[in-house]
Amino acid sequence: MKIVDLRARTVAIPTDAKLRHSSGVHPGYFLRTVLELITDEGVVGLGEVGGGDQRGALEKLRPRIIGADPFHLEAIKTAVLRSIYYVSNARLYAAIEIACLDIQGKVLGRPMSDLLGGRVRDEIPFIAYLFWRYDRPGGGDDTRAEDMADLCEELTERLGVSAMKLKAGVFAPEEEVRVLELCRERLGPDYRLRIDPNGVWSVPTAVRMGQRLEAVRPEWYEDPAWGLTGNAAVREQVRVPLATNMYPARFDDLAPGIRLGVADVILTDLHYWEGPRGVKDLAAVCRTFGLGVAMHSGVEFGVELAAMLHTASTIPEMITAGDAHYHYLTDDIIVGGKMAYRDGAIAVPTGPGLGVELDPERMEKYERLYGEVGDYYARFHVDERRPEWVPVVGGM
């Protein structure tokens, strides 16, 4: 079996609000580039990647993919990632690996999880991911901690989740910490709380906020300061577990991060960590050094979400709820539309490969929408309400 063609399409799906974060605003839609790898036997594998319009980047890799056997992932990885790192990157390789695993599963008639060691659970729990919003449903903007606590209660009831995470780094740190204090008060002692400033707080601010957070016992405190040394400095002074999806977020930085004692929990990501098999490699390292693992979200659509579900289902230690922006999406590109939350969890697909297929009408609709709205990554996530604003690391 050989890969004989590659097709990449960029699509945009609306969200139910504009989501604010430490480096700008998602302007009412999310973007993904969807990859299809076609084999000489007519089997098509699906992949997905974020980071804006990646069609050109994937096309540059075409000569290194065409003619490859989709079962020979180590050879493909060497060709498209290891030997041309200045052209490729882990994100692009991950999309290719997901598509190849989808092909393998379809050929074998087995779900992707079987190719990764077999599932140990049939559903994956997720969190209520809280973003400060512009143009929220019903109108208005989020401006105070009570708005976020209200959103947390609404999502908890609607999705059945029992954990949350606040995307911080937008308002004053004291107001953002107050969100967790309100959620603890409203949702009780067993509800799991998380906060993620994405590294923009200074070490002194992160320490001060972390020490205040000790009273509400968060599940973890994610990337409170910038870099390996910044997070390590916070961890030394705060009695709350630290988590990261930024430092380290690649194998090059994993050993230094462990030596420095940067975090207690690594949030795995299919794209940062070189695909589902790379996440399995990461989980093995975390197991060796006694680190926790959880699943990171990158505003994925149904193709990557399926890959996340399959991967997480095969990691015994991944017992805590994963991140997901999914509840903000108004639709999906897969047949049947959005996957359903049941009691805070989404079921692992059971069909061969990923177990999902593209919906041609939805793909056409959201490819057309992308043509209308364009690539917001090219605008650096600009905040149109504050056109002169730029993010400042350590500025809070």
Protein backbone atom coordinates (compact mmCIF):
# COMPACT_ATOMS: atom_id res chain seq x y z
CA MET A 1 0.00 0.00 0.00
CA LYS A 2 1.27 3.46 -0.95
CA ILE A 3 0.12 7.04 -0.43
CA VAL A 4 -0.62 8.44 -3.89
CA ASP A 5 -2.22 11.82 -3.16
CA LEU A 6 -2.61 14.49 -0.52
CA ARG A 7 -5.46 16.96 -0.15
CA ALA A 8 -5.57 19.81 2.39
CA ARG A 9 -8.50 22.16 3.03
CA THR A 10 -8.82 24.95 5.58
CA VAL A 11 -12.19 25.42 7.24
CA ALA A 12 -13.71 27.84 9.75
CA ILE A 13 -16.54 26.98 12.15
CA PRO A 14 -18.37 29.70 14.13
CA THR A 15 -18.22 29.78 17.92
CA ASP A 16 -21.00 31.00 20.19
CA ALA A 17 -18.89 33.95 21.41
CA LYS A 18 -15.59 35.74 20.86
CA LEU A 19 -13.11 34.18 23.27
CA ARG A 20 -10.46 36.32 24.95
CA HIS A 21 -7.05 35.06 26.08
CA SER A 22 -3.65 36.40 27.02
CA SER A 23 -2.55 36.95 23.43
CA GLY A 24 -5.73 38.30 21.85
CA VAL A 25 -9.18 37.15 20.81
CA HIS A 26 -10.62 34.23 18.85
CA PRO A 27 -12.92 36.38 16.66
CA GLY A 28 -16.07 34.27 16.66
CA TYR A 29 -14.69 31.24 14.80
CA PHE A 30 -12.03 28.55 15.03
CA LEU A 31 -9.77 27.45 12.15
CA ARG A 32 -8.37 24.04 11.24
CA THR A 33 -6.71 22.58 8.17
CA VAL A 34 -8.07 19.13 7.32
CA LEU A 35 -5.74 16.64 5.67
CA GLU A 36 -6.76 13.69 3.48
CA LEU A 37 -4.15 11.10 2.49
CA ILE A 38 -5.29 8.86 -0.38
CA THR A 39 -3.79 5.43 -0.98
CA ASP A 40 -3.45 3.35 -4.15
CA GLU A 41 -6.12 1.03 -2.72
CA GLY A 42 -8.63 3.88 -2.36
CA VAL A 43 -8.43 4.10 1.42
CA VAL A 44 -8.49 7.70 2.67
CA GLY A 45 -6.99 8.74 6.01
CA LEU A 46 -8.01 11.92 7.81
CA GLY A 47 -5.81 14.29 9.78
CA GLU A 48 -6.20 17.78 11.20
CA VAL A 49 -3.91 20.61 12.27
CA GLY A 50 -4.31 24.09 13.75
CA GLY A 51 -2.10 27.17 13.67
CA GLY A 52 -3.95 28.85 10.82
CA ASP A 53 -4.01 27.98 7.13
CA GLN A 54 -1.53 25.09 6.79
CA ARG A 55 -2.31 24.12 3.21
CA GLY A 56 0.91 25.53 1.80
CA ALA A 57 3.03 23.96 4.52
CA LEU A 58 1.52 20.54 3.89
CA GLU A 59 1.98 20.92 0.14
CA LYS A 60 5.70 21.49 0.70
CA LEU A 61 5.83 18.05 2.30
CA ARG A 62 4.06 16.34 -0.62
CA PRO A 63 7.27 15.00 -2.25
CA ARG A 64 8.26 13.33 1.04
CA ILE A 65 4.86 11.70 1.58
CA ILE A 66 3.78 10.51 -1.87
CA GLY A 67 4.91 6.92 -2.39
CA ALA A 68 5.29 6.21 1.33
CA ASP A 69 3.70 3.19 2.99
CA PRO A 70 1.24 4.52 5.64
CA PHE A 71 2.25 1.64 7.92
CA HIS A 72 5.89 2.80 7.92
CA LEU A 73 5.48 5.70 10.31
CA GLU A 74 9.08 5.82 11.49
CA ALA A 75 10.28 6.28 7.91
CA ILE A 76 7.64 8.97 7.30
CA LYS A 77 8.59 10.72 10.54
CA THR A 78 12.24 10.76 9.56
CA ALA A 79 11.42 12.10 6.11
CA VAL A 80 8.99 14.88 7.08
CA LEU A 81 10.12 15.89 10.57
CA ARG A 82 13.59 14.81 11.61
CA SER A 83 15.50 15.56 8.42
CA ILE A 84 13.89 18.90 7.49
CA TYR A 85 12.98 20.43 10.83
CA TYR A 86 13.27 23.97 9.42
CA VAL A 87 10.45 23.25 6.96
CA SER A 88 8.27 20.82 8.89
CA ASN A 89 7.28 20.83 12.53
CA ALA A 90 5.63 18.57 15.08
CA ARG A 91 2.18 19.97 14.30
CA LEU A 92 2.36 19.01 10.63
CA TYR A 93 3.83 15.60 11.30
CA ALA A 94 1.08 14.88 13.86
CA ALA A 95 -1.63 15.51 11.26
CA ILE A 96 0.13 13.11 8.91
CA GLU A 97 0.50 10.46 11.61
CA ILE A 98 -3.18 10.74 12.55
CA ALA A 99 -4.13 10.25 8.88
CA CYS A 100 -1.81 7.24 8.54
CA LEU A 101 -3.20 5.63 11.70
CA ASP A 102 -6.70 6.23 10.31
CA ILE A 103 -5.66 4.38 7.14
CA GLN A 104 -4.13 1.53 9.14
CA GLY A 105 -7.27 1.13 11.24
CA LYS A 106 -9.51 1.12 8.18
CA VAL A 107 -7.35 -1.49 6.44
CA LEU A 108 -7.29 -3.71 9.54
CA GLY A 109 -10.89 -3.09 10.50
CA ARG A 110 -9.79 -1.96 13.99
CA PRO A 111 -10.21 1.34 15.88
CA MET A 112 -7.17 3.58 16.25
CA SER A 113 -7.01 2.84 19.96
CA ASP A 114 -6.18 -0.81 19.14
CA LEU A 115 -3.12 0.39 17.22
CA LEU A 116 -1.94 2.29 20.33
CA GLY A 117 -2.17 -0.60 22.77
CA GLY A 118 -5.92 -0.92 23.25
CA ARG A 119 -8.35 1.17 25.23
CA VAL A 120 -8.68 0.95 28.99
CA ARG A 121 -11.77 3.19 29.07
CA ASP A 122 -14.65 3.77 26.67
CA GLU A 123 -15.25 7.45 27.33
CA ILE A 124 -13.11 10.46 28.20
CA PRO A 125 -14.25 13.12 30.70
CA PHE A 126 -13.76 16.79 29.84
CA ILE A 127 -13.82 20.13 31.63
CA ALA A 128 -15.86 23.31 31.51
CA TYR A 129 -13.28 25.50 29.77
CA LEU A 130 -13.97 29.12 30.77
CA PHE A 131 -12.97 32.05 28.57
CA TRP A 132 -13.74 35.71 29.15
CA ARG A 133 -16.10 36.47 26.27
CA TYR A 134 -17.05 39.30 23.97
CA ASP A 135 -20.52 39.06 22.36
CA ARG A 136 -21.64 36.15 24.50
CA PRO A 137 -24.94 34.33 23.80
CA GLY A 138 -27.76 36.66 24.74
CA GLY A 139 -25.54 39.71 24.29
CA GLY A 140 -22.98 41.56 26.35
CA ASP A 141 -19.43 40.86 27.49
CA ASP A 142 -17.92 39.16 30.53
CA THR A 143 -16.46 41.82 32.81
CA ARG A 144 -16.29 40.39 36.34
CA ALA A 145 -15.64 37.16 38.20
CA GLU A 146 -19.34 36.54 38.70
CA ASP A 147 -19.79 36.24 34.92
CA MET A 148 -17.27 33.40 34.78
CA ALA A 149 -18.75 31.66 37.79
CA ASP A 150 -22.17 31.88 36.13
CA LEU A 151 -20.73 30.34 32.95
CA CYS A 152 -19.13 27.56 34.98
CA GLU A 153 -22.44 26.71 36.61
CA GLU A 154 -24.22 26.77 33.24
CA LEU A 155 -21.68 24.47 31.58
CA THR A 156 -21.64 22.14 34.57
CA GLU A 157 -25.38 21.70 34.31
CA ARG A 158 -25.49 21.49 30.49
CA LEU A 159 -22.50 19.20 29.93
CA GLY A 160 -22.50 17.28 33.20
CA VAL A 161 -18.82 18.09 33.87
CA SER A 162 -17.18 18.13 37.30
CA ALA A 163 -14.06 20.19 36.54
CA MET A 164 -13.26 23.60 35.10
CA LYS A 165 -10.35 25.70 33.87
CA LEU A 166 -10.19 29.46 33.54
CA LYS A 167 -8.16 30.89 30.68
CA ALA A 168 -6.56 33.75 32.59
CA GLY A 169 -4.20 36.56 31.66
CA VAL A 170 -7.02 38.89 30.53
CA PHE A 171 -8.19 40.80 33.62
CA ALA A 172 -6.37 41.70 36.82
CA PRO A 173 -4.93 38.55 38.44
CA GLU A 174 -6.91 39.18 41.64
CA GLU A 175 -10.18 39.20 39.69
CA GLU A 176 -9.27 36.01 37.88
CA VAL A 177 -8.34 34.20 41.09
CA ARG A 178 -11.67 35.35 42.48
CA VAL A 179 -13.35 33.26 39.76
CA LEU A 180 -11.97 30.08 41.35
CA GLU A 181 -12.98 31.28 44.80
CA LEU A 182 -16.55 31.81 43.61
CA CYS A 183 -16.64 28.44 41.84
CA ARG A 184 -15.42 26.69 44.97
CA GLU A 185 -18.13 28.42 47.00
CA ARG A 186 -20.89 27.65 44.51
CA LEU A 187 -19.92 24.15 43.32
CA GLY A 188 -18.62 22.59 46.51
CA PRO A 189 -15.43 21.04 47.87
CA ASP A 190 -15.10 18.20 45.32
CA TYR A 191 -15.38 20.27 42.13
CA ARG A 192 -11.99 20.39 40.37
CA LEU A 193 -10.60 23.87 39.72
CA ARG A 194 -7.80 24.96 37.36
CA ILE A 195 -6.40 28.29 36.15
CA ASP A 196 -4.09 29.01 33.21
CA PRO A 197 -2.51 32.47 32.67
CA ASN A 198 -0.49 31.08 29.74
CA GLY A 199 2.76 32.28 31.27
CA VAL A 200 2.06 36.02 31.20
CA TRP A 201 2.19 36.70 34.95
CA SER A 202 5.50 37.76 36.46
CA VAL A 203 7.04 35.34 38.95
CA PRO A 204 6.18 37.61 41.94
CA THR A 205 2.57 37.94 40.77
CA ALA A 206 2.32 34.21 40.07
CA VAL A 207 3.68 33.39 43.52
CA ARG A 208 1.30 35.84 45.21
CA MET A 209 -1.72 34.50 43.29
CA GLY A 210 -0.63 30.90 43.82
CA GLN A 211 -0.36 31.37 47.57
CA ARG A 212 -3.84 32.90 47.60
CA LEU A 213 -5.12 29.94 45.57
CA GLU A 214 -3.92 27.47 48.19
CA ALA A 215 -7.11 28.12 50.16
CA VAL A 216 -9.36 26.84 47.34
CA ARG A 217 -7.19 23.75 46.64
CA PRO A 218 -7.04 23.81 42.83
CA GLU A 219 -6.39 20.60 40.99
CA TRP A 220 -3.49 22.48 39.43
CA TYR A 221 -2.03 25.86 38.52
CA GLU A 222 -1.06 25.89 34.84
CA ASP A 223 1.83 27.86 33.31
CA PRO A 224 1.64 30.75 35.77
CA ALA A 225 4.94 32.31 34.61
CA TRP A 226 7.12 32.35 31.50
CA GLY A 227 9.60 29.66 30.62
CA LEU A 228 11.13 26.66 32.35
CA THR A 229 12.89 28.75 35.00
CA GLY A 230 9.87 30.96 35.65
CA ASN A 231 7.56 28.05 36.36
CA ALA A 232 10.22 26.28 38.40
CA ALA A 233 10.59 29.40 40.57
CA VAL A 234 6.84 29.52 41.19
CA ARG A 235 6.66 25.82 41.98
CA GLU A 236 9.28 26.23 44.72
CA GLN A 237 7.13 28.78 46.54
CA VAL A 238 3.53 27.62 46.05
CA ARG A 239 1.83 24.62 47.62
CA VAL A 240 -0.36 23.89 44.60
CA PRO A 241 0.51 21.33 41.88
CA LEU A 242 1.83 23.02 38.75
CA ALA A 243 0.86 21.85 35.27
CA THR A 244 2.16 22.86 31.85
CA ASN A 245 1.38 22.65 28.18
CA MET A 246 4.03 25.27 27.35
CA TYR A 247 7.25 24.44 29.24
CA PRO A 248 8.11 21.79 28.24
CA ALA A 249 5.98 21.32 25.13
CA ARG A 250 8.45 19.31 23.05
CA PHE A 251 10.88 16.49 23.63
CA ASP A 252 13.89 18.82 23.30
CA ASP A 253 12.88 20.55 26.54
CA LEU A 254 11.53 17.55 28.46
CA ALA A 255 14.76 16.49 30.19
CA PRO A 256 15.70 20.05 31.25
CA GLY A 257 12.15 20.60 32.48
CA ILE A 258 12.24 17.47 34.62
CA ARG A 259 15.68 18.37 36.00
CA LEU A 260 14.47 21.85 36.95
CA GLY A 261 11.28 20.54 38.55
CA VAL A 262 9.08 22.70 36.35
CA ALA A 263 5.74 20.92 36.78
CA ASP A 264 3.86 18.11 38.45
CA VAL A 265 1.55 17.46 35.48
CA ILE A 266 2.30 17.52 31.73
CA LEU A 267 -0.64 18.30 29.47
CA THR A 268 -0.12 16.12 26.43
CA ASP A 269 -1.02 17.44 22.99
CA LEU A 270 -1.11 15.42 19.79
CA HIS A 271 0.52 18.24 17.85
CA TYR A 272 3.16 19.50 20.27
CA TRP A 273 4.29 15.95 21.05
CA GLU A 274 4.52 14.54 17.52
CA GLY A 275 1.24 12.68 17.15
CA PRO A 276 -0.58 9.96 19.10
CA ARG A 277 2.51 7.74 19.27
CA GLY A 278 4.55 10.66 20.56
CA VAL A 279 2.00 11.22 23.31
CA LYS A 280 2.40 7.58 24.26
CA ASP A 281 6.17 8.10 24.42
CA LEU A 282 5.63 11.16 26.62
CA ALA A 283 3.30 9.23 28.91
CA ALA A 284 6.01 6.59 29.38
CA VAL A 285 8.52 9.27 30.44
CA CYS A 286 5.99 10.80 32.83
CA ARG A 287 5.33 7.36 34.30
CA THR A 288 9.06 6.89 34.84
CA PHE A 289 9.47 10.18 36.69
CA GLY A 290 6.17 10.13 38.59
CA LEU A 291 4.55 13.01 36.67
CA GLY A 292 0.84 13.29 36.02
CA VAL A 293 -0.57 13.44 32.50
CA ALA A 294 -3.71 15.03 31.09
CA MET A 295 -4.93 15.99 27.61
CA HIS A 296 -4.50 19.50 26.21
CA SER A 297 -6.94 21.11 23.76
CA GLY A 298 -5.99 23.08 20.66
CA VAL A 299 -9.48 24.19 19.48
CA GLU A 300 -9.84 20.90 17.59
CA PHE A 301 -12.66 19.82 15.32
CA GLY A 302 -14.07 16.29 15.13
CA VAL A 303 -11.16 14.63 13.30
CA GLU A 304 -8.57 15.57 15.90
CA LEU A 305 -11.01 15.17 18.78
CA ALA A 306 -11.51 11.56 17.68
CA ALA A 307 -7.72 11.07 17.68
CA MET A 308 -7.51 12.63 21.16
CA LEU A 309 -10.23 10.30 22.43
CA HIS A 310 -8.53 7.22 21.03
CA THR A 311 -5.15 8.24 22.44
CA ALA A 312 -6.41 9.17 25.90
CA SER A 313 -8.36 5.93 26.12
CA THR A 314 -5.10 3.93 25.96
CA ILE A 315 -3.19 5.76 28.73
CA PRO A 316 -4.06 4.21 32.12
CA GLU A 317 -2.67 7.16 34.11
CA MET A 318 -4.77 9.73 32.27
CA ILE A 319 -7.57 9.64 34.82
CA THR A 320 -8.35 13.36 35.09
CA ALA A 321 -10.64 15.34 32.79
CA GLY A 322 -9.14 16.64 29.55
CA ASP A 323 -9.29 20.13 28.11
CA ALA A 324 -11.77 20.86 25.32
CA HIS A 325 -12.88 24.03 23.57
CA TYR A 326 -15.47 21.87 21.85
CA HIS A 327 -18.51 23.21 23.67
CA TYR A 328 -17.96 26.65 22.11
CA LEU A 329 -18.31 25.30 18.54
CA THR A 330 -21.71 25.67 16.88
CA ASP A 331 -21.17 22.70 14.53
CA ASP A 332 -18.56 20.23 13.29
CA ILE A 333 -17.25 18.95 9.94
CA ILE A 334 -17.94 15.27 10.59
CA VAL A 335 -20.96 13.19 9.63
CA GLY A 336 -23.62 13.63 12.30
CA GLY A 337 -22.27 16.96 13.49
CA LYS A 338 -20.85 17.51 16.95
CA MET A 339 -20.08 14.61 19.25
CA ALA A 340 -22.30 14.48 22.32
CA TYR A 341 -21.35 15.06 25.95
CA ARG A 342 -22.93 12.57 28.32
CA ASP A 343 -22.36 13.06 32.04
CA GLY A 344 -19.35 15.24 31.28
CA ALA A 345 -17.67 12.74 28.94
CA ILE A 346 -17.47 11.95 25.20
CA ALA A 347 -17.46 8.34 24.02
CA VAL A 348 -14.44 6.97 22.17
CA PRO A 349 -15.50 6.20 18.56
CA THR A 350 -15.76 2.48 17.82
CA GLY A 351 -15.54 2.39 14.02
CA PRO A 352 -12.38 1.43 12.15
CA GLY A 353 -9.55 3.96 12.25
CA LEU A 354 -10.67 7.25 13.74
CA GLY A 355 -14.30 6.16 13.49
CA VAL A 356 -15.39 9.49 11.99
CA GLU A 357 -15.92 10.65 8.41
CA LEU A 358 -16.09 14.08 6.82
CA ASP A 359 -19.51 15.47 5.96
CA PRO A 360 -19.15 16.81 2.37
CA GLU A 361 -21.83 19.47 2.80
CA ARG A 362 -20.39 20.74 6.06
CA MET A 363 -16.87 20.76 4.63
CA GLU A 364 -18.04 22.80 1.65
CA LYS A 365 -19.96 25.19 3.90
CA TYR A 366 -17.10 25.83 6.31
CA GLU A 367 -14.45 25.93 3.60
CA ARG A 368 -16.52 28.67 2.01
CA LEU A 369 -16.80 30.47 5.36
CA TYR A 370 -13.03 30.39 5.72
CA GLY A 371 -12.76 32.06 2.31
CA GLU A 372 -14.98 34.86 3.65
CA VAL A 373 -13.45 35.43 7.10
CA GLY A 374 -9.79 34.58 6.52
CA ASP A 375 -6.91 33.53 8.72
CA TYR A 376 -6.92 35.29 12.09
CA TYR A 377 -3.46 33.95 12.89
CA ALA A 378 -2.19 36.34 10.23
CA ARG A 379 -3.63 39.16 12.37
CA PHE A 380 -1.93 37.85 15.53
CA HIS A 381 -5.28 37.36 17.31
CA VAL A 382 -5.87 41.12 17.33
CA ASP A 383 -8.38 42.53 19.82
CA GLU A 384 -10.54 44.77 17.66
CA ARG A 385 -11.93 46.51 20.76
CA ARG A 386 -8.36 47.53 21.64
CA PRO A 387 -6.49 47.79 18.32
CA GLU A 388 -3.29 49.20 19.86
CA TRP A 389 -3.07 46.49 22.55
CA VAL A 390 -0.32 43.90 22.45
CA PRO A 391 0.40 41.14 25.02
CA VAL A 392 3.18 41.77 27.51
CA VAL A 393 4.77 38.81 29.28
CA GLY A 394 5.35 39.55 32.97
CA GLY A 395 3.26 42.70 32.74
CA MET A 396 0.78 41.75 35.45
